[in-house]
Amino acid sequence: MKSSKLILPTILIVVIAVIYFNYFAPTQKLGSFDKFDGGSEINQQINVGVVRSKDFERDANGGIVSFYAHDKNNVEIKITLHEPAPEEIVNAEVVELMGHLHGNSFVTSKVSIIK
């Protein structure tokens, strides 16, 4: 009888774990700039690869204010930051951006290093 009482909580825990790991856990998988509307200013999240072969633009204090990134389709776009990015971004491979497409650049309010 005790084992039948454990079945429902076990199933519930498994379902919650599957939902978390499929939808909410950080991933290194690159996104696509195609999902962004160039005229919209609604911020969305995307994972991109950092293009280290191109220069990182810096402000007067040496903080990184823009760099180039590519999506899963190898589309390269200039990333413009509201606030300087951490110096570790120079060595990053994949970063998560929160922002919107504005003309020929992606304006971001948040940058998180994934890998």
N, C-alpha and C. Protein backbone atom coordinates (compact mmCIF):
# COMPACT_ATOMS: atom_id res chain seq x y z
N MET A 1 0.81 -1.19 0.00
CA MET A 1 0.00 0.00 0.00
C MET A 1 0.86 1.26 0.00
N LYS A 2 2.02 1.22 0.67
CA LYS A 2 2.89 2.39 0.74
C LYS A 2 3.44 2.75 -0.64
N SER A 3 3.75 1.76 -1.42
CA SER A 3 4.34 2.03 -2.74
C SER A 3 3.32 2.72 -3.66
N SER A 4 2.03 2.45 -3.52
CA SER A 4 1.03 3.11 -4.35
C SER A 4 0.90 4.59 -4.00
N LYS A 5 1.20 4.96 -2.76
CA LYS A 5 1.15 6.37 -2.36
C LYS A 5 2.35 7.15 -2.91
N LEU A 6 3.41 6.48 -3.26
CA LEU A 6 4.60 7.14 -3.78
C LEU A 6 4.57 7.31 -5.30
N ILE A 7 3.69 6.63 -5.97
CA ILE A 7 3.65 6.68 -7.43
C ILE A 7 3.29 8.07 -7.93
N LEU A 8 2.24 8.67 -7.43
CA LEU A 8 1.81 9.99 -7.89
C LEU A 8 2.86 11.07 -7.64
N PRO A 9 3.44 11.17 -6.44
CA PRO A 9 4.50 12.17 -6.24
C PRO A 9 5.72 11.93 -7.14
N THR A 10 6.06 10.69 -7.37
CA THR A 10 7.19 10.37 -8.25
C THR A 10 6.91 10.82 -9.67
N ILE A 11 5.72 10.55 -10.17
CA ILE A 11 5.34 10.98 -11.52
C ILE A 11 5.37 12.50 -11.61
N LEU A 12 4.87 13.17 -10.60
CA LEU A 12 4.85 14.64 -10.58
C LEU A 12 6.27 15.21 -10.62
N ILE A 13 7.17 14.64 -9.86
CA ILE A 13 8.57 15.10 -9.85
C ILE A 13 9.22 14.88 -11.21
N VAL A 14 8.97 13.75 -11.83
CA VAL A 14 9.53 13.47 -13.15
C VAL A 14 9.00 14.45 -14.19
N VAL A 15 7.72 14.75 -14.16
CA VAL A 15 7.12 15.69 -15.11
C VAL A 15 7.71 17.09 -14.92
N ILE A 16 7.85 17.52 -13.69
CA ILE A 16 8.44 18.84 -13.42
C ILE A 16 9.89 18.89 -13.90
N ALA A 17 10.65 17.85 -13.68
CA ALA A 17 12.04 17.80 -14.13
C ALA A 17 12.13 17.86 -15.65
N VAL A 18 11.29 17.12 -16.34
CA VAL A 18 11.29 17.13 -17.81
C VAL A 18 10.95 18.52 -18.34
N ILE A 19 9.95 19.15 -17.77
CA ILE A 19 9.57 20.51 -18.21
C ILE A 19 10.72 21.48 -17.96
N TYR A 20 11.34 21.41 -16.80
CA TYR A 20 12.44 22.32 -16.49
C TYR A 20 13.59 22.14 -17.47
N PHE A 21 14.04 20.91 -17.67
CA PHE A 21 15.22 20.67 -18.51
C PHE A 21 14.94 20.92 -19.99
N ASN A 22 13.70 20.86 -20.43
CA ASN A 22 13.38 21.12 -21.83
C ASN A 22 13.08 22.58 -22.12
N TYR A 23 12.60 23.33 -21.14
CA TYR A 23 12.15 24.69 -21.42
C TYR A 23 12.88 25.79 -20.65
N PHE A 24 13.40 25.50 -19.46
CA PHE A 24 13.93 26.56 -18.62
C PHE A 24 15.42 26.46 -18.35
N ALA A 25 16.02 25.31 -18.49
CA ALA A 25 17.44 25.16 -18.21
C ALA A 25 18.28 25.87 -19.28
N PRO A 26 19.37 26.51 -18.87
CA PRO A 26 20.23 27.17 -19.86
C PRO A 26 20.77 26.16 -20.86
N THR A 27 20.88 26.59 -22.09
CA THR A 27 21.37 25.71 -23.14
C THR A 27 22.43 26.45 -23.94
N GLN A 28 23.31 25.70 -24.59
CA GLN A 28 24.34 26.28 -25.43
C GLN A 28 23.90 26.35 -26.89
N LYS A 29 22.71 25.89 -27.17
CA LYS A 29 22.20 25.86 -28.54
C LYS A 29 21.97 27.28 -29.04
N LEU A 30 22.48 27.57 -30.24
CA LEU A 30 22.34 28.91 -30.81
C LEU A 30 20.95 29.13 -31.37
N GLY A 31 20.47 30.36 -31.25
CA GLY A 31 19.18 30.75 -31.79
C GLY A 31 19.34 31.36 -33.18
N SER A 32 18.27 31.95 -33.68
CA SER A 32 18.28 32.54 -35.02
C SER A 32 17.77 33.98 -34.95
N PHE A 33 18.44 34.87 -35.67
CA PHE A 33 18.00 36.26 -35.75
C PHE A 33 16.74 36.39 -36.60
N ASP A 34 16.37 35.35 -37.32
CA ASP A 34 15.17 35.38 -38.17
C ASP A 34 13.89 35.60 -37.36
N LYS A 35 13.89 35.21 -36.09
CA LYS A 35 12.68 35.34 -35.28
C LYS A 35 12.43 36.78 -34.83
N PHE A 36 13.37 37.68 -35.09
CA PHE A 36 13.24 39.08 -34.66
C PHE A 36 12.71 39.94 -35.79
N ASP A 37 11.79 40.83 -35.44
CA ASP A 37 11.25 41.81 -36.38
C ASP A 37 12.10 43.07 -36.25
N GLY A 38 12.67 43.54 -37.35
CA GLY A 38 13.55 44.69 -37.34
C GLY A 38 12.91 45.97 -36.84
N GLY A 39 11.59 46.08 -36.90
CA GLY A 39 10.91 47.29 -36.46
C GLY A 39 10.38 47.22 -35.05
N SER A 40 10.48 46.07 -34.42
CA SER A 40 9.93 45.89 -33.08
C SER A 40 10.98 46.22 -32.03
N GLU A 41 10.54 46.79 -30.93
CA GLU A 41 11.46 47.07 -29.83
C GLU A 41 11.15 46.19 -28.61
N ILE A 42 10.51 45.07 -28.87
CA ILE A 42 10.22 44.12 -27.80
C ILE A 42 11.47 43.27 -27.57
N ASN A 43 11.97 43.27 -26.35
CA ASN A 43 13.16 42.50 -26.03
C ASN A 43 12.84 41.01 -25.99
N GLN A 44 13.72 40.23 -26.60
CA GLN A 44 13.61 38.78 -26.61
C GLN A 44 14.98 38.20 -26.30
N GLN A 45 14.99 36.94 -25.93
CA GLN A 45 16.20 36.25 -25.56
C GLN A 45 16.72 35.44 -26.74
N ILE A 46 18.06 35.40 -26.91
CA ILE A 46 18.68 34.60 -27.97
C ILE A 46 20.09 34.22 -27.54
N ASN A 47 20.50 33.01 -27.88
CA ASN A 47 21.88 32.57 -27.69
C ASN A 47 22.61 32.76 -29.00
N VAL A 48 23.81 33.35 -28.94
CA VAL A 48 24.61 33.60 -30.13
C VAL A 48 26.06 33.23 -29.86
N GLY A 49 26.81 33.01 -30.93
CA GLY A 49 28.24 32.76 -30.82
C GLY A 49 29.00 34.06 -30.98
N VAL A 50 30.01 34.26 -30.16
CA VAL A 50 30.82 35.47 -30.22
C VAL A 50 31.83 35.32 -31.36
N VAL A 51 31.92 36.33 -32.23
CA VAL A 51 32.90 36.34 -33.32
C VAL A 51 34.15 37.02 -32.78
N ARG A 52 35.12 36.20 -32.38
CA ARG A 52 36.32 36.74 -31.76
C ARG A 52 37.33 37.27 -32.78
N SER A 53 37.13 36.97 -34.05
CA SER A 53 38.06 37.44 -35.08
C SER A 53 37.84 38.92 -35.42
N LYS A 54 36.72 39.49 -35.01
CA LYS A 54 36.45 40.91 -35.23
C LYS A 54 36.68 41.68 -33.94
N ASP A 55 36.96 42.97 -34.10
CA ASP A 55 37.29 43.80 -32.94
C ASP A 55 36.11 44.00 -32.00
N PHE A 56 36.45 44.19 -30.73
CA PHE A 56 35.50 44.55 -29.69
C PHE A 56 35.63 46.06 -29.52
N GLU A 57 34.53 46.80 -29.71
CA GLU A 57 34.57 48.25 -29.55
C GLU A 57 34.48 48.58 -28.08
N ARG A 58 35.33 49.52 -27.64
CA ARG A 58 35.40 49.86 -26.22
C ARG A 58 35.09 51.34 -26.01
N ASP A 59 34.62 51.67 -24.80
CA ASP A 59 34.36 53.06 -24.45
C ASP A 59 35.65 53.70 -23.92
N ALA A 60 35.56 54.94 -23.45
CA ALA A 60 36.74 55.67 -22.97
C ALA A 60 37.38 55.00 -21.75
N ASN A 61 36.60 54.25 -20.98
CA ASN A 61 37.11 53.56 -19.79
C ASN A 61 37.62 52.16 -20.10
N GLY A 62 37.55 51.73 -21.35
CA GLY A 62 38.03 50.41 -21.73
C GLY A 62 36.98 49.32 -21.65
N GLY A 63 35.74 49.68 -21.31
CA GLY A 63 34.66 48.68 -21.24
C GLY A 63 34.15 48.32 -22.63
N ILE A 64 33.78 47.08 -22.83
CA ILE A 64 33.29 46.61 -24.13
C ILE A 64 31.86 47.09 -24.33
N VAL A 65 31.62 47.86 -25.40
CA VAL A 65 30.29 48.40 -25.68
C VAL A 65 29.67 47.81 -26.94
N SER A 66 30.46 47.12 -27.75
CA SER A 66 29.89 46.41 -28.91
C SER A 66 30.85 45.33 -29.39
N PHE A 67 30.27 44.32 -30.03
CA PHE A 67 31.04 43.22 -30.59
C PHE A 67 30.19 42.57 -31.66
N TYR A 68 30.74 41.61 -32.36
CA TYR A 68 30.00 40.89 -33.40
C TYR A 68 29.66 39.49 -32.91
N ALA A 69 28.50 39.01 -33.33
CA ALA A 69 28.05 37.66 -32.96
C ALA A 69 27.37 37.03 -34.16
N HIS A 70 27.27 35.70 -34.14
CA HIS A 70 26.59 34.97 -35.21
C HIS A 70 25.53 34.05 -34.63
N ASP A 71 24.50 33.79 -35.44
CA ASP A 71 23.44 32.87 -35.00
C ASP A 71 23.69 31.49 -35.59
N LYS A 72 22.71 30.60 -35.47
CA LYS A 72 22.87 29.23 -35.96
C LYS A 72 22.98 29.15 -37.47
N ASN A 73 22.53 30.20 -38.18
CA ASN A 73 22.62 30.24 -39.64
C ASN A 73 23.86 30.99 -40.11
N ASN A 74 24.80 31.26 -39.20
CA ASN A 74 26.03 32.01 -39.46
C ASN A 74 25.79 33.43 -39.95
N VAL A 75 24.66 34.02 -39.57
CA VAL A 75 24.38 35.43 -39.87
C VAL A 75 25.09 36.25 -38.80
N GLU A 76 26.02 37.13 -39.23
CA GLU A 76 26.76 37.97 -38.30
C GLU A 76 26.08 39.33 -38.15
N ILE A 77 25.95 39.77 -36.91
CA ILE A 77 25.32 41.05 -36.62
C ILE A 77 26.13 41.73 -35.52
N LYS A 78 26.22 43.06 -35.60
CA LYS A 78 26.88 43.83 -34.56
C LYS A 78 25.96 43.90 -33.34
N ILE A 79 26.51 43.61 -32.18
CA ILE A 79 25.78 43.66 -30.92
C ILE A 79 26.17 44.95 -30.20
N THR A 80 25.20 45.78 -29.90
CA THR A 80 25.43 47.04 -29.21
C THR A 80 24.86 46.92 -27.80
N LEU A 81 25.66 47.30 -26.81
CA LEU A 81 25.28 47.14 -25.41
C LEU A 81 24.89 48.47 -24.76
N HIS A 82 23.90 48.43 -23.88
CA HIS A 82 23.54 49.62 -23.11
C HIS A 82 24.60 49.91 -22.05
N GLU A 83 25.14 48.86 -21.45
CA GLU A 83 26.17 48.98 -20.43
C GLU A 83 27.35 48.11 -20.85
N PRO A 84 28.57 48.48 -20.48
CA PRO A 84 29.74 47.67 -20.86
C PRO A 84 29.61 46.21 -20.40
N ALA A 85 30.07 45.33 -21.26
CA ALA A 85 30.04 43.89 -20.98
C ALA A 85 31.23 43.52 -20.10
N PRO A 86 31.13 42.40 -19.39
CA PRO A 86 32.28 41.94 -18.61
C PRO A 86 33.44 41.57 -19.53
N GLU A 87 34.64 41.75 -19.06
CA GLU A 87 35.85 41.49 -19.86
C GLU A 87 35.93 40.03 -20.30
N GLU A 88 35.32 39.11 -19.56
CA GLU A 88 35.38 37.68 -19.89
C GLU A 88 34.71 37.36 -21.23
N ILE A 89 33.93 38.29 -21.76
CA ILE A 89 33.22 38.05 -23.02
C ILE A 89 34.20 37.89 -24.18
N VAL A 90 35.40 38.42 -24.02
CA VAL A 90 36.43 38.30 -25.06
C VAL A 90 36.78 36.83 -25.30
N ASN A 91 36.72 36.00 -24.27
CA ASN A 91 37.06 34.58 -24.38
C ASN A 91 35.83 33.68 -24.49
N ALA A 92 34.64 34.25 -24.47
CA ALA A 92 33.41 33.46 -24.51
C ALA A 92 33.16 32.90 -25.91
N GLU A 93 32.50 31.77 -25.95
CA GLU A 93 32.08 31.16 -27.21
C GLU A 93 30.60 31.42 -27.47
N VAL A 94 29.77 31.21 -26.43
CA VAL A 94 28.32 31.39 -26.55
C VAL A 94 27.85 32.34 -25.45
N VAL A 95 27.03 33.32 -25.84
CA VAL A 95 26.45 34.24 -24.86
C VAL A 95 24.94 34.29 -25.08
N GLU A 96 24.24 34.62 -24.00
CA GLU A 96 22.80 34.81 -24.06
C GLU A 96 22.53 36.31 -24.03
N LEU A 97 21.75 36.78 -25.00
CA LEU A 97 21.42 38.20 -25.10
C LEU A 97 19.94 38.41 -24.83
N MET A 98 19.63 39.55 -24.22
CA MET A 98 18.24 39.98 -24.06
C MET A 98 18.18 41.34 -24.74
N GLY A 99 17.46 41.41 -25.85
CA GLY A 99 17.39 42.67 -26.58
C GLY A 99 16.51 42.58 -27.81
N HIS A 100 16.73 43.52 -28.73
CA HIS A 100 15.92 43.57 -29.95
C HIS A 100 16.76 44.00 -31.14
N LEU A 101 16.30 43.66 -32.32
CA LEU A 101 16.97 44.02 -33.56
C LEU A 101 16.58 45.45 -33.91
N HIS A 102 17.60 46.27 -34.19
CA HIS A 102 17.36 47.67 -34.51
C HIS A 102 18.22 48.01 -35.73
N GLY A 103 17.60 47.96 -36.91
CA GLY A 103 18.36 48.20 -38.13
C GLY A 103 19.36 47.09 -38.38
N ASN A 104 20.64 47.46 -38.50
CA ASN A 104 21.69 46.47 -38.78
C ASN A 104 22.40 45.97 -37.53
N SER A 105 21.88 46.31 -36.36
CA SER A 105 22.52 45.85 -35.13
C SER A 105 21.47 45.33 -34.15
N PHE A 106 21.97 44.57 -33.19
CA PHE A 106 21.13 44.02 -32.14
C PHE A 106 21.43 44.80 -30.88
N VAL A 107 20.46 45.50 -30.35
CA VAL A 107 20.63 46.31 -29.15
C VAL A 107 20.23 45.45 -27.95
N THR A 108 21.15 45.31 -27.02
CA THR A 108 20.89 44.42 -25.90
C THR A 108 21.00 45.12 -24.56
N SER A 109 20.14 44.71 -23.65
CA SER A 109 20.16 45.27 -22.30
C SER A 109 20.84 44.34 -21.31
N LYS A 110 21.03 43.07 -21.71
CA LYS A 110 21.64 42.09 -20.79
C LYS A 110 22.44 41.09 -21.58
N VAL A 111 23.64 40.79 -21.11
CA VAL A 111 24.52 39.78 -21.70
C VAL A 111 24.94 38.81 -20.62
N SER A 112 24.76 37.51 -20.87
CA SER A 112 25.19 36.47 -19.93
C SER A 112 26.06 35.48 -20.68
N ILE A 113 27.18 35.15 -20.10
CA ILE A 113 28.10 34.20 -20.73
C ILE A 113 27.61 32.79 -20.43
N ILE A 114 27.42 32.00 -21.49
CA ILE A 114 26.96 30.61 -21.36
C ILE A 114 28.16 29.66 -21.40
N LYS A 115 29.05 29.88 -22.36
CA LYS A 115 30.21 28.99 -22.53
C LYS A 115 31.40 29.81 -22.95
